[in-house]
Amino acid sequence: MHHLITEERREAPRYPLERLAKIQAGRGRPRYCLITDLSEGGVRINAFGLHVPDEFVLLLSGDGPAQDGEYQVIWRLGQDVGAKLVSRESCSTSRAGD
């Protein structure tokens, strides 16, 4: 049996996580998503079938390793989206806990 060996392209290891967050895109209403894993400077989210724009603000409530901020989509696979942290500044008008 032939095994395929794929080259690891990640700059930092991923860590599993199951945490609700909200995606804020433009002036629209924030939408829930699930962060399924994170790495230093990036997240993998499940958007539950909603379209995730190429750039968005991720809003979280409480504390934890994932960070509020502006993210840019790096890849898409089904309902999953991988995004990198672009800026830790987040939208000041909406919060995940609202």
PDB file of N, CA and C in Angstrom:
ATOM      1  N   MET A   1       0.846  -1.177   0.000  1.00  0.00           N
ATOM      2  CA  MET A   1       0.000   0.000   0.000  1.00  0.00           C
ATOM      3  C   MET A   1       0.888   1.235   0.000  1.00  0.00           C
ATOM      4  N   HIS A   2       0.574   2.185  -0.839  1.00  0.00           N
ATOM      5  CA  HIS A   2       1.372   3.403  -0.987  1.00  0.00           C
ATOM      6  C   HIS A   2       0.829   4.487  -0.056  1.00  0.00           C
ATOM      7  N   HIS A   3       1.696   5.061   0.770  1.00  0.00           N
ATOM      8  CA  HIS A   3       1.292   6.135   1.691  1.00  0.00           C
ATOM      9  C   HIS A   3       1.756   7.467   1.140  1.00  0.00           C
ATOM     10  N   LEU A   4       0.845   8.424   1.134  1.00  0.00           N
ATOM     11  CA  LEU A   4       1.201   9.761   0.691  1.00  0.00           C
ATOM     12  C   LEU A   4       1.769  10.538   1.867  1.00  0.00           C
ATOM     13  N   ILE A   5       2.871  11.175   1.664  1.00  0.00           N
ATOM     14  CA  ILE A   5       3.464  12.020   2.689  1.00  0.00           C
ATOM     15  C   ILE A   5       3.291  13.457   2.233  1.00  0.00           C
ATOM     16  N   THR A   6       2.588  14.231   3.045  1.00  0.00           N
ATOM     17  CA  THR A   6       2.370  15.623   2.692  1.00  0.00           C
ATOM     18  C   THR A   6       3.276  16.500   3.533  1.00  0.00           C
ATOM     19  N   GLU A   7       3.764  17.534   2.914  1.00  0.00           N
ATOM     20  CA  GLU A   7       4.643  18.464   3.606  1.00  0.00           C
ATOM     21  C   GLU A   7       3.825  19.367   4.511  1.00  0.00           C
ATOM     22  N   GLU A   8       4.264  19.526   5.752  1.00  0.00           N
ATOM     23  CA  GLU A   8       3.595  20.400   6.704  1.00  0.00           C
ATOM     24  C   GLU A   8       3.891  21.844   6.326  1.00  0.00           C
ATOM     25  N   ARG A   9       2.840  22.627   6.063  1.00  0.00           N
ATOM     26  CA  ARG A   9       3.022  24.007   5.644  1.00  0.00           C
ATOM     27  C   ARG A   9       2.696  24.998   6.745  1.00  0.00           C
ATOM     28  N   ARG A  10       2.192  24.545   7.866  1.00  0.00           N
ATOM     29  CA  ARG A  10       1.837  25.447   8.953  1.00  0.00           C
ATOM     30  C   ARG A  10       3.091  26.021   9.600  1.00  0.00           C
ATOM     31  N   GLU A  11       3.001  27.300   9.952  1.00  0.00           N
ATOM     32  CA  GLU A  11       4.118  27.952  10.636  1.00  0.00           C
ATOM     33  C   GLU A  11       4.109  27.644  12.131  1.00  0.00           C
ATOM     34  N   ALA A  12       2.943  27.322  12.678  1.00  0.00           N
ATOM     35  CA  ALA A  12       2.808  27.020  14.108  1.00  0.00           C
ATOM     36  C   ALA A  12       1.837  25.853  14.267  1.00  0.00           C
ATOM     37  N   PRO A  13       2.017  25.029  15.301  1.00  0.00           N
ATOM     38  CA  PRO A  13       1.107  23.887  15.496  1.00  0.00           C
ATOM     39  C   PRO A  13      -0.310  24.330  15.838  1.00  0.00           C
ATOM     40  N   ARG A  14      -1.281  23.485  15.482  1.00  0.00           N
ATOM     41  CA  ARG A  14      -2.683  23.733  15.807  1.00  0.00           C
ATOM     42  C   ARG A  14      -3.039  23.055  17.119  1.00  0.00           C
ATOM     43  N   TYR A  15      -3.977  23.669  17.828  1.00  0.00           N
ATOM     44  CA  TYR A  15      -4.482  23.107  19.077  1.00  0.00           C
ATOM     45  C   TYR A  15      -5.998  23.034  18.991  1.00  0.00           C
ATOM     46  N   PRO A  16      -6.587  21.871  19.307  1.00  0.00           N
ATOM     47  CA  PRO A  16      -8.048  21.742  19.233  1.00  0.00           C
ATOM     48  C   PRO A  16      -8.730  22.643  20.251  1.00  0.00           C
ATOM     49  N   LEU A  17      -9.881  23.149  19.855  1.00  0.00           N
ATOM     50  CA  LEU A  17     -10.644  24.053  20.708  1.00  0.00           C
ATOM     51  C   LEU A  17     -12.084  24.019  20.223  1.00  0.00           C
ATOM     52  N   GLU A  18     -13.019  24.103  21.113  1.00  0.00           N
ATOM     53  CA  GLU A  18     -14.433  24.228  20.738  1.00  0.00           C
ATOM     54  C   GLU A  18     -14.975  25.413  21.498  1.00  0.00           C
ATOM     55  N   ARG A  19     -15.064  26.540  20.804  1.00  0.00           N
ATOM     56  CA  ARG A  19     -15.487  27.775  21.449  1.00  0.00           C
ATOM     57  C   ARG A  19     -16.332  28.599  20.491  1.00  0.00           C
ATOM     58  N   LEU A  20     -17.499  29.036  20.977  1.00  0.00           N
ATOM     59  CA  LEU A  20     -18.348  29.895  20.166  1.00  0.00           C
ATOM     60  C   LEU A  20     -17.753  31.290  20.083  1.00  0.00           C
ATOM     61  N   ALA A  21     -17.914  31.899  18.940  1.00  0.00           N
ATOM     62  CA  ALA A  21     -17.480  33.270  18.705  1.00  0.00           C
ATOM     63  C   ALA A  21     -18.467  33.885  17.726  1.00  0.00           C
ATOM     64  N   LYS A  22     -18.248  35.139  17.392  1.00  0.00           N
ATOM     65  CA  LYS A  22     -19.082  35.805  16.392  1.00  0.00           C
ATOM     66  C   LYS A  22     -18.198  36.411  15.323  1.00  0.00           C
ATOM     67  N   ILE A  23     -18.689  36.331  14.093  1.00  0.00           N
ATOM     68  CA  ILE A  23     -18.029  36.965  12.961  1.00  0.00           C
ATOM     69  C   ILE A  23     -18.774  38.254  12.662  1.00  0.00           C
ATOM     70  N   GLN A  24     -18.032  39.351  12.659  1.00  0.00           N
ATOM     71  CA  GLN A  24     -18.593  40.652  12.298  1.00  0.00           C
ATOM     72  C   GLN A  24     -18.018  41.026  10.944  1.00  0.00           C
ATOM     73  N   ALA A  25     -18.885  41.186   9.964  1.00  0.00           N
ATOM     74  CA  ALA A  25     -18.446  41.564   8.621  1.00  0.00           C
ATOM     75  C   ALA A  25     -19.139  42.865   8.242  1.00  0.00           C
ATOM     76  N   GLY A  26     -18.366  43.910   8.105  1.00  0.00           N
ATOM     77  CA  GLY A  26     -18.947  45.203   7.760  1.00  0.00           C
ATOM     78  C   GLY A  26     -19.911  45.673   8.826  1.00  0.00           C
ATOM     79  N   ARG A  27     -21.019  46.262   8.399  1.00  0.00           N
ATOM     80  CA  ARG A  27     -21.991  46.804   9.344  1.00  0.00           C
ATOM     81  C   ARG A  27     -23.126  45.828   9.625  1.00  0.00           C
ATOM     82  N   GLY A  28     -23.037  44.629   9.083  1.00  0.00           N
ATOM     83  CA  GLY A  28     -24.079  43.623   9.297  1.00  0.00           C
ATOM     84  C   GLY A  28     -24.095  43.110  10.728  1.00  0.00           C
ATOM     85  N   ARG A  29     -25.099  42.350  11.012  1.00  0.00           N
ATOM     86  CA  ARG A  29     -25.253  41.750  12.337  1.00  0.00           C
ATOM     87  C   ARG A  29     -24.211  40.653  12.537  1.00  0.00           C
ATOM     88  N   PRO A  30     -23.573  40.568  13.710  1.00  0.00           N
ATOM     89  CA  PRO A  30     -22.608  39.486  13.963  1.00  0.00           C
ATOM     90  C   PRO A  30     -23.294  38.126  13.874  1.00  0.00           C
ATOM     91  N   ARG A  31     -22.583  37.147  13.344  1.00  0.00           N
ATOM     92  CA  ARG A  31     -23.097  35.785  13.190  1.00  0.00           C
ATOM     93  C   ARG A  31     -22.235  34.813  13.976  1.00  0.00           C
ATOM     94  N   TYR A  32     -22.872  33.818  14.578  1.00  0.00           N
ATOM     95  CA  TYR A  32     -22.126  32.822  15.351  1.00  0.00           C
ATOM     96  C   TYR A  32     -21.301  31.904  14.462  1.00  0.00           C
ATOM     97  N   CYS A  33     -20.167  31.489  15.004  1.00  0.00           N
ATOM     98  CA  CYS A  33     -19.332  30.471  14.382  1.00  0.00           C
ATOM     99  C   CYS A  33     -18.705  29.660  15.514  1.00  0.00           C
ATOM    100  N   LEU A  34     -18.063  28.576  15.176  1.00  0.00           N
ATOM    101  CA  LEU A  34     -17.400  27.735  16.166  1.00  0.00           C
ATOM    102  C   LEU A  34     -15.918  27.673  15.825  1.00  0.00           C
ATOM    103  N   ILE A  35     -15.079  28.083  16.765  1.00  0.00           N
ATOM    104  CA  ILE A  35     -13.636  27.943  16.581  1.00  0.00           C
ATOM    105  C   ILE A  35     -13.311  26.490  16.902  1.00  0.00           C
ATOM    106  N   THR A  36     -12.777  25.751  15.928  1.00  0.00           N
ATOM    107  CA  THR A  36     -12.502  24.332  16.128  1.00  0.00           C
ATOM    108  C   THR A  36     -11.035  24.047  16.431  1.00  0.00           C
ATOM    109  N   ASP A  37     -10.163  24.947  16.038  1.00  0.00           N
ATOM    110  CA  ASP A  37      -8.778  24.872  16.489  1.00  0.00           C
ATOM    111  C   ASP A  37      -8.108  26.215  16.258  1.00  0.00           C
ATOM    112  N   LEU A  38      -6.963  26.392  16.902  1.00  0.00           N
ATOM    113  CA  LEU A  38      -6.234  27.629  16.736  1.00  0.00           C
ATOM    114  C   LEU A  38      -4.753  27.360  16.778  1.00  0.00           C
ATOM    115  N   SER A  39      -4.021  28.292  16.224  1.00  0.00           N
ATOM    116  CA  SER A  39      -2.574  28.268  16.263  1.00  0.00           C
ATOM    117  C   SER A  39      -2.141  29.689  16.576  1.00  0.00           C
ATOM    118  N   GLU A  40      -0.865  29.871  16.775  1.00  0.00           N
ATOM    119  CA  GLU A  40      -0.383  31.219  17.036  1.00  0.00           C
ATOM    120  C   GLU A  40      -0.667  32.071  15.799  1.00  0.00           C
ATOM    121  N   GLY A  41      -1.566  33.020  15.957  1.00  0.00           N
ATOM    122  CA  GLY A  41      -1.886  33.919  14.854  1.00  0.00           C
ATOM    123  C   GLY A  41      -2.927  33.438  13.881  1.00  0.00           C
ATOM    124  N   GLY A  42      -3.650  32.354  14.198  1.00  0.00           N
ATOM    125  CA  GLY A  42      -4.662  31.876  13.268  1.00  0.00           C
ATOM    126  C   GLY A  42      -5.726  31.036  13.921  1.00  0.00           C
ATOM    127  N   VAL A  43      -6.834  30.840  13.208  1.00  0.00           N
ATOM    128  CA  VAL A  43      -7.951  30.036  13.693  1.00  0.00           C
ATOM    129  C   VAL A  43      -8.530  29.208  12.554  1.00  0.00           C
ATOM    130  N   ARG A  44      -9.175  28.128  12.940  1.00  0.00           N
ATOM    131  CA  ARG A  44     -10.021  27.347  12.022  1.00  0.00           C
ATOM    132  C   ARG A  44     -11.416  27.452  12.595  1.00  0.00           C
ATOM    133  N   ILE A  45     -12.355  27.878  11.759  1.00  0.00           N
ATOM    134  CA  ILE A  45     -13.722  28.033  12.241  1.00  0.00           C
ATOM    135  C   ILE A  45     -14.697  27.269  11.365  1.00  0.00           C
ATOM    136  N   ASN A  46     -15.811  26.897  11.970  1.00  0.00           N
ATOM    137  CA  ASN A  46     -16.938  26.326  11.251  1.00  0.00           C
ATOM    138  C   ASN A  46     -18.018  27.400  11.276  1.00  0.00           C
ATOM    139  N   ALA A  47     -18.435  27.836  10.112  1.00  0.00           N
ATOM    140  CA  ALA A  47     -19.392  28.939  10.011  1.00  0.00           C
ATOM    141  C   ALA A  47     -20.837  28.462   9.861  1.00  0.00           C
ATOM    142  N   PHE A  48     -21.095  27.177  10.047  1.00  0.00           N
ATOM    143  CA  PHE A  48     -22.454  26.625   9.996  1.00  0.00           C
ATOM    144  C   PHE A  48     -23.167  26.965   8.689  1.00  0.00           C
ATOM    145  N   GLY A  49     -22.430  26.941   7.570  1.00  0.00           N
ATOM    146  CA  GLY A  49     -23.022  27.174   6.266  1.00  0.00           C
ATOM    147  C   GLY A  49     -23.153  28.632   5.857  1.00  0.00           C
ATOM    148  N   LEU A  50     -22.820  29.551   6.734  1.00  0.00           N
ATOM    149  CA  LEU A  50     -22.876  30.969   6.377  1.00  0.00           C
ATOM    150  C   LEU A  50     -21.648  31.359   5.576  1.00  0.00           C
ATOM    151  N   HIS A  51     -21.807  32.300   4.660  1.00  0.00           N
ATOM    152  CA  HIS A  51     -20.670  32.795   3.891  1.00  0.00           C
ATOM    153  C   HIS A  51     -19.772  33.626   4.796  1.00  0.00           C
ATOM    154  N   VAL A  52     -18.492  33.341   4.792  1.00  0.00           N
ATOM    155  CA  VAL A  52     -17.508  34.109   5.545  1.00  0.00           C
ATOM    156  C   VAL A  52     -16.765  34.981   4.537  1.00  0.00           C
ATOM    157  N   PRO A  53     -16.812  36.305   4.720  1.00  0.00           N
ATOM    158  CA  PRO A  53     -16.102  37.178   3.779  1.00  0.00           C
ATOM    159  C   PRO A  53     -14.587  36.995   3.905  1.00  0.00           C
ATOM    160  N   ASP A  54     -13.850  37.461   2.914  1.00  0.00           N
ATOM    161  CA  ASP A  54     -12.394  37.303   2.911  1.00  0.00           C
ATOM    162  C   ASP A  54     -11.729  37.991   4.089  1.00  0.00           C
ATOM    163  N   GLU A  55     -12.330  39.065   4.600  1.00  0.00           N
ATOM    164  CA  GLU A  55     -11.829  39.752   5.793  1.00  0.00           C
ATOM    165  C   GLU A  55     -12.992  39.954   6.747  1.00  0.00           C
ATOM    166  N   PHE A  56     -12.752  39.722   8.034  1.00  0.00           N
ATOM    167  CA  PHE A  56     -13.809  39.841   9.030  1.00  0.00           C
ATOM    168  C   PHE A  56     -13.203  40.112  10.395  1.00  0.00           C
ATOM    169  N   VAL A  57     -14.056  40.533  11.330  1.00  0.00           N
ATOM    170  CA  VAL A  57     -13.653  40.713  12.722  1.00  0.00           C
ATOM    171  C   VAL A  57     -14.207  39.535  13.496  1.00  0.00           C
ATOM    172  N   LEU A  58     -13.363  38.907  14.301  1.00  0.00           N
ATOM    173  CA  LEU A  58     -13.777  37.789  15.148  1.00  0.00           C
ATOM    174  C   LEU A  58     -13.952  38.324  16.559  1.00  0.00           C
ATOM    175  N   LEU A  59     -15.140  38.103  17.130  1.00  0.00           N
ATOM    176  CA  LEU A  59     -15.477  38.604  18.461  1.00  0.00           C
ATOM    177  C   LEU A  59     -15.686  37.430  19.401  1.00  0.00           C
ATOM    178  N   LEU A  60     -15.014  37.481  20.544  1.00  0.00           N
ATOM    179  CA  LEU A  60     -15.127  36.431  21.547  1.00  0.00           C
ATOM    180  C   LEU A  60     -15.532  37.042  22.874  1.00  0.00           C
ATOM    181  N   SER A  61     -16.186  36.252  23.705  1.00  0.00           N
ATOM    182  CA  SER A  61     -16.494  36.716  25.050  1.00  0.00           C
ATOM    183  C   SER A  61     -15.626  35.934  26.027  1.00  0.00           C
ATOM    184  N   GLY A  62     -15.334  36.534  27.144  1.00  0.00           N
ATOM    185  CA  GLY A  62     -14.515  35.865  28.156  1.00  0.00           C
ATOM    186  C   GLY A  62     -13.050  35.854  27.790  1.00  0.00           C
ATOM    187  N   ASP A  63     -12.308  35.020  28.522  1.00  0.00           N
ATOM    188  CA  ASP A  63     -10.880  34.939  28.268  1.00  0.00           C
ATOM    189  C   ASP A  63     -10.563  33.626  27.572  1.00  0.00           C
ATOM    190  N   GLY A  64      -9.339  33.477  27.150  1.00  0.00           N
ATOM    191  CA  GLY A  64      -8.924  32.263  26.473  1.00  0.00           C
ATOM    192  C   GLY A  64      -7.820  32.558  25.493  1.00  0.00           C
ATOM    193  N   PRO A  65      -7.328  31.524  24.831  1.00  0.00           N
ATOM    194  CA  PRO A  65      -6.179  31.701  23.938  1.00  0.00           C
ATOM    195  C   PRO A  65      -6.515  32.373  22.609  1.00  0.00           C
ATOM    196  N   ALA A  66      -7.738  32.236  22.114  1.00  0.00           N
ATOM    197  CA  ALA A  66      -8.112  32.883  20.860  1.00  0.00           C
ATOM    198  C   ALA A  66      -8.290  34.374  21.126  1.00  0.00           C
ATOM    199  N   GLN A  67      -8.058  35.184  20.117  1.00  0.00           N
ATOM    200  CA  GLN A  67      -8.056  36.625  20.308  1.00  0.00           C
ATOM    201  C   GLN A  67      -9.049  37.328  19.408  1.00  0.00           C
ATOM    202  N   ASP A  68      -9.715  38.374  19.980  1.00  0.00           N
ATOM    203  CA  ASP A  68     -10.499  39.281  19.154  1.00  0.00           C
ATOM    204  C   ASP A  68      -9.565  39.919  18.142  1.00  0.00           C
ATOM    205  N   GLY A  69     -10.079  40.242  16.995  1.00  0.00           N
ATOM    206  CA  GLY A  69      -9.268  40.963  16.033  1.00  0.00           C
ATOM    207  C   GLY A  69      -9.769  40.812  14.620  1.00  0.00           C
ATOM    208  N   GLU A  70      -9.044  41.431  13.716  1.00  0.00           N
ATOM    209  CA  GLU A  70      -9.349  41.353  12.300  1.00  0.00           C
ATOM    210  C   GLU A  70      -8.606  40.151  11.716  1.00  0.00           C
ATOM    211  N   TYR A  71      -9.323  39.340  10.941  1.00  0.00           N
ATOM    212  CA  TYR A  71      -8.768  38.130  10.349  1.00  0.00           C
ATOM    213  C   TYR A  71      -8.928  38.160   8.840  1.00  0.00           C
ATOM    214  N   GLN A  72      -8.042  37.436   8.165  1.00  0.00           N
ATOM    215  CA  GLN A  72      -8.099  37.289   6.712  1.00  0.00           C
ATOM    216  C   GLN A  72      -8.160  35.807   6.381  1.00  0.00           C
ATOM    217  N   VAL A  73      -9.112  35.414   5.523  1.00  0.00           N
ATOM    218  CA  VAL A  73      -9.277  34.013   5.134  1.00  0.00           C
ATOM    219  C   VAL A  73      -8.070  33.573   4.306  1.00  0.00           C
ATOM    220  N   ILE A  74      -7.520  32.411   4.680  1.00  0.00           N
ATOM    221  CA  ILE A  74      -6.383  31.818   3.966  1.00  0.00           C
ATOM    222  C   ILE A  74      -6.847  30.631   3.126  1.00  0.00           C
ATOM    223  N   TRP A  75      -7.803  29.860   3.641  1.00  0.00           N
ATOM    224  CA  TRP A  75      -8.315  28.713   2.897  1.00  0.00           C
ATOM    225  C   TRP A  75      -9.760  28.452   3.289  1.00  0.00           C
ATOM    226  N   ARG A  76     -10.459  27.713   2.429  1.00  0.00           N
ATOM    227  CA  ARG A  76     -11.853  27.306   2.644  1.00  0.00           C
ATOM    228  C   ARG A  76     -11.975  25.833   2.275  1.00  0.00           C
ATOM    229  N   LEU A  77     -12.709  25.084   3.081  1.00  0.00           N
ATOM    230  CA  LEU A  77     -12.951  23.675   2.810  1.00  0.00           C
ATOM    231  C   LEU A  77     -14.319  23.327   3.383  1.00  0.00           C
ATOM    232  N   GLY A  78     -15.330  23.247   2.523  1.00  0.00           N
ATOM    233  CA  GLY A  78     -16.688  22.995   2.991  1.00  0.00           C
ATOM    234  C   GLY A  78     -17.154  24.137   3.879  1.00  0.00           C
ATOM    235  N   GLN A  79     -17.611  23.802   5.089  1.00  0.00           N
ATOM    236  CA  GLN A  79     -18.053  24.819   6.040  1.00  0.00           C
ATOM    237  C   GLN A  79     -16.907  25.363   6.885  1.00  0.00           C
ATOM    238  N   ASP A  80     -15.720  24.792   6.741  1.00  0.00           N
ATOM    239  CA  ASP A  80     -14.564  25.225   7.521  1.00  0.00           C
ATOM    240  C   ASP A  80     -13.782  26.310   6.794  1.00  0.00           C
ATOM    241  N   VAL A  81     -13.251  27.224   7.581  1.00  0.00           N
ATOM    242  CA  VAL A  81     -12.459  28.331   7.064  1.00  0.00           C
ATOM    243  C   VAL A  81     -11.222  28.476   7.934  1.00  0.00           C
ATOM    244  N   GLY A  82     -10.074  28.636   7.312  1.00  0.00           N
ATOM    245  CA  GLY A  82      -8.845  28.933   8.029  1.00  0.00           C
ATOM    246  C   GLY A  82      -8.514  30.392   7.819  1.00  0.00           C
ATOM    247  N   ALA A  83      -8.194  31.104   8.902  1.00  0.00           N
ATOM    248  CA  ALA A  83      -7.923  32.534   8.790  1.00  0.00           C
ATOM    249  C   ALA A  83      -6.757  32.916   9.678  1.00  0.00           C
ATOM    250  N   LYS A  84      -6.025  33.939   9.235  1.00  0.00           N
ATOM    251  CA  LYS A  84      -4.904  34.425  10.034  1.00  0.00           C
ATOM    252  C   LYS A  84      -5.259  35.768  10.647  1.00  0.00           C
ATOM    253  N   LEU A  85      -4.709  36.004  11.833  1.00  0.00           N
ATOM    254  CA  LEU A  85      -4.899  37.256  12.542  1.00  0.00           C
ATOM    255  C   LEU A  85      -4.107  38.341  11.828  1.00  0.00           C
ATOM    256  N   VAL A  86      -4.799  39.420  11.458  1.00  0.00           N
ATOM    257  CA  VAL A  86      -4.159  40.535  10.763  1.00  0.00           C
ATOM    258  C   VAL A  86      -3.903  41.682  11.735  1.00  0.00           C
ATOM    259  N   SER A  87      -4.864  41.928  12.629  1.00  0.00           N
ATOM    260  CA  SER A  87      -4.757  43.021  13.582  1.00  0.00           C
ATOM    261  C   SER A  87      -5.545  42.666  14.838  1.00  0.00           C
ATOM    262  N   ARG A  88      -5.009  43.018  15.994  1.00  0.00           N
ATOM    263  CA  ARG A  88      -5.724  42.743  17.242  1.00  0.00           C
ATOM    264  C   ARG A  88      -6.787  43.780  17.534  1.00  0.00           C
ATOM    265  N   GLU A  89      -6.843  44.838  16.751  1.00  0.00           N
ATOM    266  CA  GLU A  89      -7.890  45.835  16.929  1.00  0.00           C
ATOM    267  C   GLU A  89      -9.188  45.235  16.429  1.00  0.00           C
ATOM    268  N   SER A  90     -10.232  45.378  17.214  1.00  0.00           N
ATOM    269  CA  SER A  90     -11.523  44.824  16.795  1.00  0.00           C
ATOM    270  C   SER A  90     -12.579  45.901  16.769  1.00  0.00           C
ATOM    271  N   CYS A  91     -13.703  45.540  16.271  1.00  0.00           N
ATOM    272  CA  CYS A  91     -14.821  46.451  16.140  1.00  0.00           C
ATOM    273  C   CYS A  91     -15.283  46.902  17.527  1.00  0.00           C
ATOM    274  N   SER A  92     -15.310  48.190  17.790  1.00  0.00           N
ATOM    275  CA  SER A  92     -15.673  48.683  19.118  1.00  0.00           C
ATOM    276  C   SER A  92     -17.169  48.843  19.304  1.00  0.00           C
ATOM    277  N   THR A  93     -17.945  48.709  18.239  1.00  0.00           N
ATOM    278  CA  THR A  93     -19.390  48.901  18.356  1.00  0.00           C
ATOM    279  C   THR A  93     -20.135  47.634  18.712  1.00  0.00           C
ATOM    280  N   SER A  94     -19.532  46.463  18.479  1.00  0.00           N
ATOM    281  CA  SER A  94     -20.200  45.185  18.749  1.00  0.00           C
ATOM    282  C   SER A  94     -19.272  44.288  19.539  1.00  0.00           C
ATOM    283  N   ARG A  95     -19.821  43.559  20.469  1.00  0.00           N
ATOM    284  CA  ARG A  95     -19.055  42.620  21.267  1.00  0.00           C
ATOM    285  C   ARG A  95     -19.752  41.274  21.251  1.00  0.00           C
ATOM    286  N   ALA A  96     -19.020  40.207  21.394  1.00  0.00           N
ATOM    287  CA  ALA A  96     -19.588  38.859  21.357  1.00  0.00           C
ATOM    288  C   ALA A  96     -20.553  38.620  22.498  1.00  0.00           C
ATOM    289  N   GLY A  97     -20.347  39.244  23.609  1.00  0.00           N
ATOM    290  CA  GLY A  97     -21.199  39.006  24.773  1.00  0.00           C
ATOM    291  C   GLY A  97     -22.487  39.786  24.745  1.00  0.00           C
ATOM    292  N   ASP A  98     -22.684  40.636  23.720  1.00  0.00           N
ATOM    293  CA  ASP A  98     -23.908  41.448  23.641  1.00  0.00           C
ATOM    294  C   ASP A  98     -25.105  40.610  23.319  1.00  0.00           C
TER     295      ASP A  98
END
